[in-house]
């Protein structure tokens, strides 16, 4: 499995909760680093799928790269 790093513009627990909801539905393993606004996702899914899923939160999202 590949670990990917994303920037997600999260400012509070509610924001990280939204990220948790969409990623749990996708069925991937992930870690959220709220202070640094980063999400680390461990998955074999395509990066575009992960990016589109994170965008469903309504937050600004950028793909940083493999971790």
N, C-alpha and C. Protein backbone atom coordinates (compact mmCIF):
# COMPACT_ATOMS: atom_id res chain seq x y z
N UNK A 1 0.84 -1.20 0.00
CA UNK A 1 0.00 0.00 0.00
C UNK A 1 0.87 1.25 0.00
N UNK A 2 0.39 2.25 -0.68
CA UNK A 2 1.12 3.50 -0.79
C UNK A 2 0.55 4.51 0.19
N UNK A 3 1.44 5.29 0.84
CA UNK A 3 0.98 6.35 1.73
C UNK A 3 1.12 7.67 1.00
N UNK A 4 -0.01 8.39 0.87
CA UNK A 4 -0.04 9.66 0.16
C UNK A 4 -0.30 10.80 1.15
N UNK A 5 0.29 11.95 0.87
CA UNK A 5 0.13 13.11 1.74
C UNK A 5 -0.67 14.19 1.02
N UNK A 6 -1.66 14.73 1.73
CA UNK A 6 -2.51 15.79 1.17
C UNK A 6 -2.57 16.96 2.13
N UNK A 7 -2.69 18.17 1.58
CA UNK A 7 -2.98 19.36 2.37
C UNK A 7 -4.49 19.57 2.30
N UNK A 8 -5.12 19.70 3.47
CA UNK A 8 -6.56 19.99 3.52
C UNK A 8 -6.73 21.18 4.46
N UNK A 9 -7.39 22.24 3.99
CA UNK A 9 -7.52 23.47 4.78
C UNK A 9 -8.53 23.29 5.92
N UNK A 10 -8.07 22.58 6.97
CA UNK A 10 -8.92 22.31 8.15
C UNK A 10 -8.56 23.30 9.25
N UNK A 11 -9.58 23.87 9.89
CA UNK A 11 -9.32 24.83 10.96
C UNK A 11 -9.82 24.36 12.33
N UNK A 12 -10.63 23.30 12.36
CA UNK A 12 -11.21 22.88 13.63
C UNK A 12 -11.53 21.38 13.62
N UNK A 13 -12.03 20.89 14.75
CA UNK A 13 -12.42 19.48 14.87
C UNK A 13 -13.55 19.13 13.90
N UNK A 14 -14.41 20.09 13.62
CA UNK A 14 -15.51 19.86 12.68
C UNK A 14 -14.98 19.56 11.28
N UNK A 15 -13.93 20.29 10.91
CA UNK A 15 -13.30 20.08 9.60
C UNK A 15 -12.68 18.68 9.53
N UNK A 16 -11.94 18.30 10.57
CA UNK A 16 -11.31 16.98 10.56
C UNK A 16 -12.38 15.89 10.65
N UNK A 17 -13.51 16.19 11.28
CA UNK A 17 -14.62 15.25 11.33
C UNK A 17 -15.20 14.98 9.96
N UNK A 18 -15.28 16.03 9.14
CA UNK A 18 -15.79 15.89 7.76
C UNK A 18 -14.83 15.01 6.95
N UNK A 19 -13.53 15.22 7.13
CA UNK A 19 -12.52 14.40 6.45
C UNK A 19 -12.65 12.94 6.90
N UNK A 20 -12.81 12.74 8.19
CA UNK A 20 -12.96 11.39 8.74
C UNK A 20 -14.17 10.69 8.13
N UNK A 21 -15.30 11.41 8.01
CA UNK A 21 -16.52 10.81 7.45
C UNK A 21 -16.33 10.34 6.01
N UNK A 22 -15.76 11.20 5.15
CA UNK A 22 -15.63 10.82 3.74
C UNK A 22 -14.60 9.71 3.53
N UNK A 23 -13.52 9.73 4.33
CA UNK A 23 -12.49 8.70 4.16
C UNK A 23 -12.92 7.36 4.75
N UNK A 24 -13.72 7.39 5.81
CA UNK A 24 -14.24 6.15 6.39
C UNK A 24 -15.16 5.47 5.39
N UNK A 25 -15.99 6.25 4.71
CA UNK A 25 -16.89 5.70 3.68
C UNK A 25 -16.10 5.07 2.54
N UNK A 26 -14.92 5.64 2.24
CA UNK A 26 -14.09 5.12 1.16
C UNK A 26 -13.38 3.83 1.57
N UNK A 27 -13.24 3.63 2.88
CA UNK A 27 -12.62 2.41 3.38
C UNK A 27 -11.11 2.38 3.31
N UNK A 28 -10.48 3.52 3.58
CA UNK A 28 -9.01 3.59 3.55
C UNK A 28 -8.48 3.85 4.96
N UNK A 29 -7.20 3.58 5.16
CA UNK A 29 -6.53 3.88 6.43
C UNK A 29 -5.95 5.28 6.33
N UNK A 30 -6.14 6.10 7.37
CA UNK A 30 -5.66 7.48 7.28
C UNK A 30 -5.31 8.05 8.65
N UNK A 31 -4.49 9.10 8.62
CA UNK A 31 -4.13 9.87 9.82
C UNK A 31 -4.35 11.33 9.49
N UNK A 32 -4.89 12.06 10.46
CA UNK A 32 -5.12 13.50 10.28
C UNK A 32 -4.20 14.27 11.20
N UNK A 33 -3.48 15.23 10.64
CA UNK A 33 -2.60 16.12 11.41
C UNK A 33 -3.25 17.50 11.33
N UNK A 34 -4.18 17.76 12.25
CA UNK A 34 -4.95 19.01 12.23
C UNK A 34 -4.10 20.27 12.36
N UNK A 35 -3.13 20.34 13.30
CA UNK A 35 -2.33 21.58 13.42
C UNK A 35 -1.59 21.95 12.13
N UNK A 36 -1.13 20.95 11.39
CA UNK A 36 -0.38 21.21 10.15
C UNK A 36 -1.25 21.10 8.90
N UNK A 37 -2.56 20.84 9.10
CA UNK A 37 -3.53 20.75 8.00
C UNK A 37 -3.13 19.69 6.97
N UNK A 38 -2.70 18.53 7.46
CA UNK A 38 -2.28 17.46 6.57
C UNK A 38 -3.10 16.20 6.82
N UNK A 39 -3.30 15.44 5.75
CA UNK A 39 -3.97 14.14 5.85
C UNK A 39 -3.07 13.13 5.14
N UNK A 40 -2.78 12.04 5.84
CA UNK A 40 -1.97 10.96 5.28
C UNK A 40 -2.88 9.77 5.04
N UNK A 41 -2.95 9.31 3.79
CA UNK A 41 -3.85 8.22 3.44
C UNK A 41 -3.04 7.03 2.94
N UNK A 42 -3.30 5.86 3.53
CA UNK A 42 -2.65 4.64 3.09
C UNK A 42 -3.66 3.83 2.29
N UNK A 43 -3.40 3.71 0.99
CA UNK A 43 -4.37 3.07 0.12
C UNK A 43 -3.74 2.72 -1.23
N UNK A 44 -4.33 1.75 -1.91
CA UNK A 44 -3.91 1.43 -3.27
C UNK A 44 -4.81 2.14 -4.28
N UNK A 45 -5.75 2.93 -3.80
CA UNK A 45 -6.65 3.66 -4.71
C UNK A 45 -5.88 4.74 -5.45
N UNK A 46 -6.38 5.10 -6.62
CA UNK A 46 -5.77 6.13 -7.44
C UNK A 46 -5.77 7.47 -6.70
N UNK A 47 -4.71 8.24 -6.88
CA UNK A 47 -4.59 9.55 -6.22
C UNK A 47 -5.77 10.47 -6.56
N UNK A 48 -6.24 10.41 -7.81
CA UNK A 48 -7.37 11.25 -8.23
C UNK A 48 -8.64 10.90 -7.44
N UNK A 49 -8.84 9.61 -7.16
CA UNK A 49 -10.00 9.17 -6.37
C UNK A 49 -9.91 9.75 -4.96
N UNK A 50 -8.73 9.69 -4.37
CA UNK A 50 -8.53 10.21 -3.02
C UNK A 50 -8.75 11.73 -3.00
N UNK A 51 -8.23 12.42 -4.01
CA UNK A 51 -8.36 13.87 -4.10
C UNK A 51 -9.83 14.27 -4.24
N UNK A 52 -10.56 13.60 -5.13
CA UNK A 52 -11.97 13.91 -5.32
C UNK A 52 -12.78 13.63 -4.05
N UNK A 53 -12.43 12.56 -3.35
CA UNK A 53 -13.12 12.24 -2.10
C UNK A 53 -12.89 13.33 -1.06
N UNK A 54 -11.65 13.79 -0.92
CA UNK A 54 -11.34 14.86 0.04
C UNK A 54 -12.05 16.16 -0.33
N UNK A 55 -12.22 16.42 -1.63
CA UNK A 55 -12.88 17.66 -2.08
C UNK A 55 -14.36 17.68 -1.69
N UNK A 56 -14.94 16.51 -1.42
CA UNK A 56 -16.34 16.44 -1.01
C UNK A 56 -16.57 17.13 0.33
N UNK A 57 -15.50 17.38 1.09
CA UNK A 57 -15.62 18.07 2.37
C UNK A 57 -15.88 19.57 2.17
N UNK A 58 -15.63 20.07 0.96
CA UNK A 58 -15.81 21.50 0.69
C UNK A 58 -14.60 22.32 1.07
N UNK A 59 -13.54 21.66 1.49
CA UNK A 59 -12.31 22.36 1.89
C UNK A 59 -11.34 22.43 0.70
N UNK A 60 -10.41 23.39 0.77
CA UNK A 60 -9.35 23.46 -0.24
C UNK A 60 -8.43 22.26 -0.02
N UNK A 61 -8.14 21.53 -1.09
CA UNK A 61 -7.33 20.31 -0.99
C UNK A 61 -6.22 20.35 -2.04
N UNK A 62 -5.01 19.97 -1.63
CA UNK A 62 -3.89 19.84 -2.57
C UNK A 62 -3.18 18.53 -2.31
N UNK A 63 -2.74 17.90 -3.38
CA UNK A 63 -1.95 16.68 -3.26
C UNK A 63 -0.50 17.07 -3.08
N UNK A 64 0.14 16.60 -2.02
CA UNK A 64 1.55 16.93 -1.77
C UNK A 64 2.47 15.90 -2.40
N UNK A 65 2.17 14.62 -2.20
CA UNK A 65 2.99 13.57 -2.81
C UNK A 65 3.05 12.34 -1.93
N UNK A 66 3.81 11.35 -2.40
CA UNK A 66 3.96 10.12 -1.59
C UNK A 66 4.74 10.41 -0.32
N UNK A 67 4.39 9.71 0.73
CA UNK A 67 5.07 9.95 2.03
C UNK A 67 6.00 8.81 2.31
